[in-house]
Amino acid sequence: MPNVYIEPMPKGGGDIDHYVIEHADGRRDSGPYPTQAHAIAAAKAKGFHPLIARVRHTNKGLPDHWRSA
């Protein structure tokens, strides 16, 4: 089960208005989803292991920045 990242959008500040599912290489799988919970449920339904951010400014290469959903 590959990891995917539940990313808030838009990136770079401002108010979050939706979420997307991203792979480690930056490809977006699908979306947008209105809430983080909707994005997590969609990722699990597709057989992915969703990860959500622990910190505001994330780096996909640092596992400490992410936690399992």
N, C-alpha and C. Protein backbone atom coordinates (compact mmCIF):
# COMPACT_ATOMS: atom_id res chain seq x y z
N MET A 1 0.85 -1.16 0.00
CA MET A 1 0.00 0.00 0.00
C MET A 1 0.91 1.24 0.00
N PRO A 2 0.97 1.98 -1.11
CA PRO A 2 1.85 3.15 -1.18
C PRO A 2 1.33 4.32 -0.36
N ASN A 3 2.28 5.12 0.12
CA ASN A 3 1.93 6.34 0.86
C ASN A 3 1.50 7.43 -0.11
N VAL A 4 0.53 8.22 0.32
CA VAL A 4 0.15 9.45 -0.37
C VAL A 4 0.00 10.53 0.69
N TYR A 5 0.05 11.76 0.25
CA TYR A 5 0.00 12.90 1.16
C TYR A 5 -1.29 13.68 0.93
N ILE A 6 -1.97 13.99 2.02
CA ILE A 6 -3.18 14.79 1.96
C ILE A 6 -2.73 16.24 2.14
N GLU A 7 -2.81 17.01 1.05
CA GLU A 7 -2.28 18.37 1.02
C GLU A 7 -3.39 19.42 1.02
N PRO A 8 -3.29 20.40 1.90
CA PRO A 8 -4.24 21.52 1.86
C PRO A 8 -3.91 22.44 0.69
N MET A 9 -4.93 23.04 0.12
CA MET A 9 -4.73 23.94 -1.01
C MET A 9 -5.47 25.24 -0.72
N PRO A 10 -5.04 26.37 -1.13
CA PRO A 10 -3.83 26.59 -1.90
C PRO A 10 -2.59 26.53 -1.01
N LYS A 11 -1.47 26.17 -1.60
CA LYS A 11 -0.20 26.13 -0.88
C LYS A 11 0.36 27.54 -0.79
N GLY A 12 1.23 27.74 0.18
CA GLY A 12 1.89 29.03 0.29
C GLY A 12 1.15 30.07 1.11
N GLY A 13 0.27 29.64 1.96
CA GLY A 13 -0.43 30.59 2.82
C GLY A 13 -1.85 30.83 2.36
N GLY A 14 -2.52 31.64 3.08
CA GLY A 14 -3.91 31.92 2.76
C GLY A 14 -4.83 30.88 3.37
N ASP A 15 -6.12 31.09 3.18
CA ASP A 15 -7.11 30.18 3.74
C ASP A 15 -7.18 28.90 2.92
N ILE A 16 -7.31 27.77 3.60
CA ILE A 16 -7.45 26.47 2.95
C ILE A 16 -8.88 26.37 2.43
N ASP A 17 -9.04 26.07 1.13
CA ASP A 17 -10.39 25.92 0.61
C ASP A 17 -10.69 24.52 0.09
N HIS A 18 -9.67 23.66 -0.03
CA HIS A 18 -9.88 22.26 -0.40
C HIS A 18 -8.61 21.46 -0.15
N TYR A 19 -8.70 20.15 -0.34
CA TYR A 19 -7.57 19.24 -0.14
C TYR A 19 -7.40 18.38 -1.38
N VAL A 20 -6.16 17.93 -1.62
CA VAL A 20 -5.86 17.03 -2.73
C VAL A 20 -5.02 15.87 -2.21
N ILE A 21 -4.98 14.80 -3.00
CA ILE A 21 -4.14 13.64 -2.71
C ILE A 21 -2.91 13.75 -3.61
N GLU A 22 -1.71 13.78 -3.01
CA GLU A 22 -0.47 13.88 -3.78
C GLU A 22 0.42 12.69 -3.51
N HIS A 23 1.12 12.25 -4.56
CA HIS A 23 2.15 11.22 -4.43
C HIS A 23 3.47 11.90 -4.08
N ALA A 24 4.47 11.12 -3.69
CA ALA A 24 5.76 11.67 -3.28
C ALA A 24 6.43 12.47 -4.40
N ASP A 25 6.18 12.10 -5.65
CA ASP A 25 6.80 12.81 -6.77
C ASP A 25 6.05 14.07 -7.18
N GLY A 26 4.97 14.41 -6.46
CA GLY A 26 4.22 15.62 -6.73
C GLY A 26 2.99 15.43 -7.61
N ARG A 27 2.81 14.24 -8.17
CA ARG A 27 1.61 13.98 -8.97
C ARG A 27 0.38 14.04 -8.10
N ARG A 28 -0.67 14.63 -8.60
CA ARG A 28 -1.94 14.65 -7.87
C ARG A 28 -2.78 13.49 -8.36
N ASP A 29 -3.33 12.75 -7.41
CA ASP A 29 -4.13 11.59 -7.76
C ASP A 29 -5.55 11.97 -8.11
N SER A 30 -6.14 12.84 -7.32
CA SER A 30 -7.52 13.24 -7.57
C SER A 30 -7.87 14.41 -6.67
N GLY A 31 -9.07 14.86 -6.81
CA GLY A 31 -9.52 15.96 -5.98
C GLY A 31 -10.14 17.01 -6.86
N PRO A 32 -10.53 18.10 -6.32
CA PRO A 32 -10.38 18.51 -4.93
C PRO A 32 -11.45 17.92 -4.02
N TYR A 33 -11.11 17.86 -2.75
CA TYR A 33 -12.03 17.38 -1.71
C TYR A 33 -12.31 18.54 -0.76
N PRO A 34 -13.54 18.68 -0.31
CA PRO A 34 -13.89 19.83 0.53
C PRO A 34 -13.27 19.79 1.93
N THR A 35 -13.01 18.60 2.44
CA THR A 35 -12.42 18.47 3.79
C THR A 35 -11.29 17.46 3.78
N GLN A 36 -10.47 17.54 4.80
CA GLN A 36 -9.38 16.58 4.96
C GLN A 36 -9.94 15.17 5.12
N ALA A 37 -11.03 15.03 5.84
CA ALA A 37 -11.65 13.71 6.06
C ALA A 37 -12.11 13.09 4.75
N HIS A 38 -12.67 13.90 3.84
CA HIS A 38 -13.08 13.38 2.54
C HIS A 38 -11.88 12.88 1.75
N ALA A 39 -10.78 13.62 1.78
CA ALA A 39 -9.57 13.22 1.06
C ALA A 39 -8.97 11.94 1.64
N ILE A 40 -8.98 11.81 2.95
CA ILE A 40 -8.47 10.60 3.60
C ILE A 40 -9.31 9.40 3.22
N ALA A 41 -10.63 9.54 3.26
CA ALA A 41 -11.52 8.43 2.90
C ALA A 41 -11.31 8.01 1.45
N ALA A 42 -11.13 8.99 0.54
CA ALA A 42 -10.92 8.67 -0.87
C ALA A 42 -9.59 7.95 -1.06
N ALA A 43 -8.55 8.39 -0.36
CA ALA A 43 -7.24 7.73 -0.48
C ALA A 43 -7.31 6.29 0.01
N LYS A 44 -7.96 6.06 1.14
CA LYS A 44 -8.10 4.70 1.67
C LYS A 44 -8.91 3.82 0.73
N ALA A 45 -9.96 4.38 0.11
CA ALA A 45 -10.80 3.63 -0.82
C ALA A 45 -10.01 3.21 -2.06
N LYS A 46 -9.00 3.99 -2.41
CA LYS A 46 -8.16 3.67 -3.58
C LYS A 46 -7.00 2.75 -3.22
N GLY A 47 -6.90 2.37 -1.95
CA GLY A 47 -5.85 1.45 -1.52
C GLY A 47 -4.54 2.11 -1.13
N PHE A 48 -4.57 3.41 -0.89
CA PHE A 48 -3.37 4.14 -0.47
C PHE A 48 -3.30 4.25 1.04
N HIS A 49 -2.12 4.56 1.55
CA HIS A 49 -1.91 4.83 2.97
C HIS A 49 -1.75 6.34 3.11
N PRO A 50 -2.80 7.06 3.53
CA PRO A 50 -2.73 8.53 3.59
C PRO A 50 -1.91 9.03 4.78
N LEU A 51 -1.14 10.08 4.52
CA LEU A 51 -0.37 10.76 5.55
C LEU A 51 -0.81 12.21 5.60
N ILE A 52 -0.91 12.75 6.81
CA ILE A 52 -1.27 14.15 6.96
C ILE A 52 -0.16 14.88 7.72
N ALA A 53 -0.06 16.18 7.49
CA ALA A 53 1.04 16.97 8.03
C ALA A 53 0.95 17.15 9.53
N ARG A 54 2.10 17.07 10.19
CA ARG A 54 2.21 17.40 11.61
C ARG A 54 2.60 18.86 11.80
N VAL A 55 3.25 19.42 10.79
CA VAL A 55 3.76 20.79 10.86
C VAL A 55 3.24 21.58 9.66
N ARG A 56 3.27 22.89 9.77
CA ARG A 56 2.72 23.75 8.72
C ARG A 56 3.54 23.69 7.43
N HIS A 57 4.84 23.81 7.51
CA HIS A 57 5.71 23.79 6.33
C HIS A 57 6.34 22.41 6.23
N THR A 58 5.89 21.62 5.28
CA THR A 58 6.27 20.22 5.20
C THR A 58 7.29 19.95 4.12
N ASN A 59 7.97 18.83 4.30
CA ASN A 59 8.90 18.31 3.31
C ASN A 59 8.61 16.82 3.21
N LYS A 60 8.28 16.35 2.03
CA LYS A 60 7.88 14.95 1.87
C LYS A 60 9.02 13.98 2.18
N GLY A 61 10.27 14.46 2.20
CA GLY A 61 11.39 13.60 2.51
C GLY A 61 11.65 13.41 4.00
N LEU A 62 10.98 14.16 4.84
CA LEU A 62 11.19 14.07 6.29
C LEU A 62 10.00 13.40 6.96
N PRO A 63 10.15 12.14 7.38
CA PRO A 63 9.02 11.43 7.98
C PRO A 63 8.48 12.07 9.26
N ASP A 64 9.31 12.85 9.97
CA ASP A 64 8.82 13.49 11.20
C ASP A 64 7.76 14.56 10.91
N HIS A 65 7.66 15.01 9.67
CA HIS A 65 6.68 16.03 9.32
C HIS A 65 5.29 15.44 9.06
N TRP A 66 5.17 14.12 9.05
CA TRP A 66 3.93 13.47 8.66
C TRP A 66 3.48 12.43 9.67
N ARG A 67 2.17 12.22 9.75
CA ARG A 67 1.62 11.16 10.59
C ARG A 67 0.56 10.41 9.80
N SER A 68 0.34 9.19 10.19
CA SER A 68 -0.64 8.35 9.52
C SER A 68 -2.05 8.86 9.81
N ALA A 69 -2.91 8.79 8.80
CA ALA A 69 -4.29 9.27 8.95
C ALA A 69 -5.19 8.13 9.41
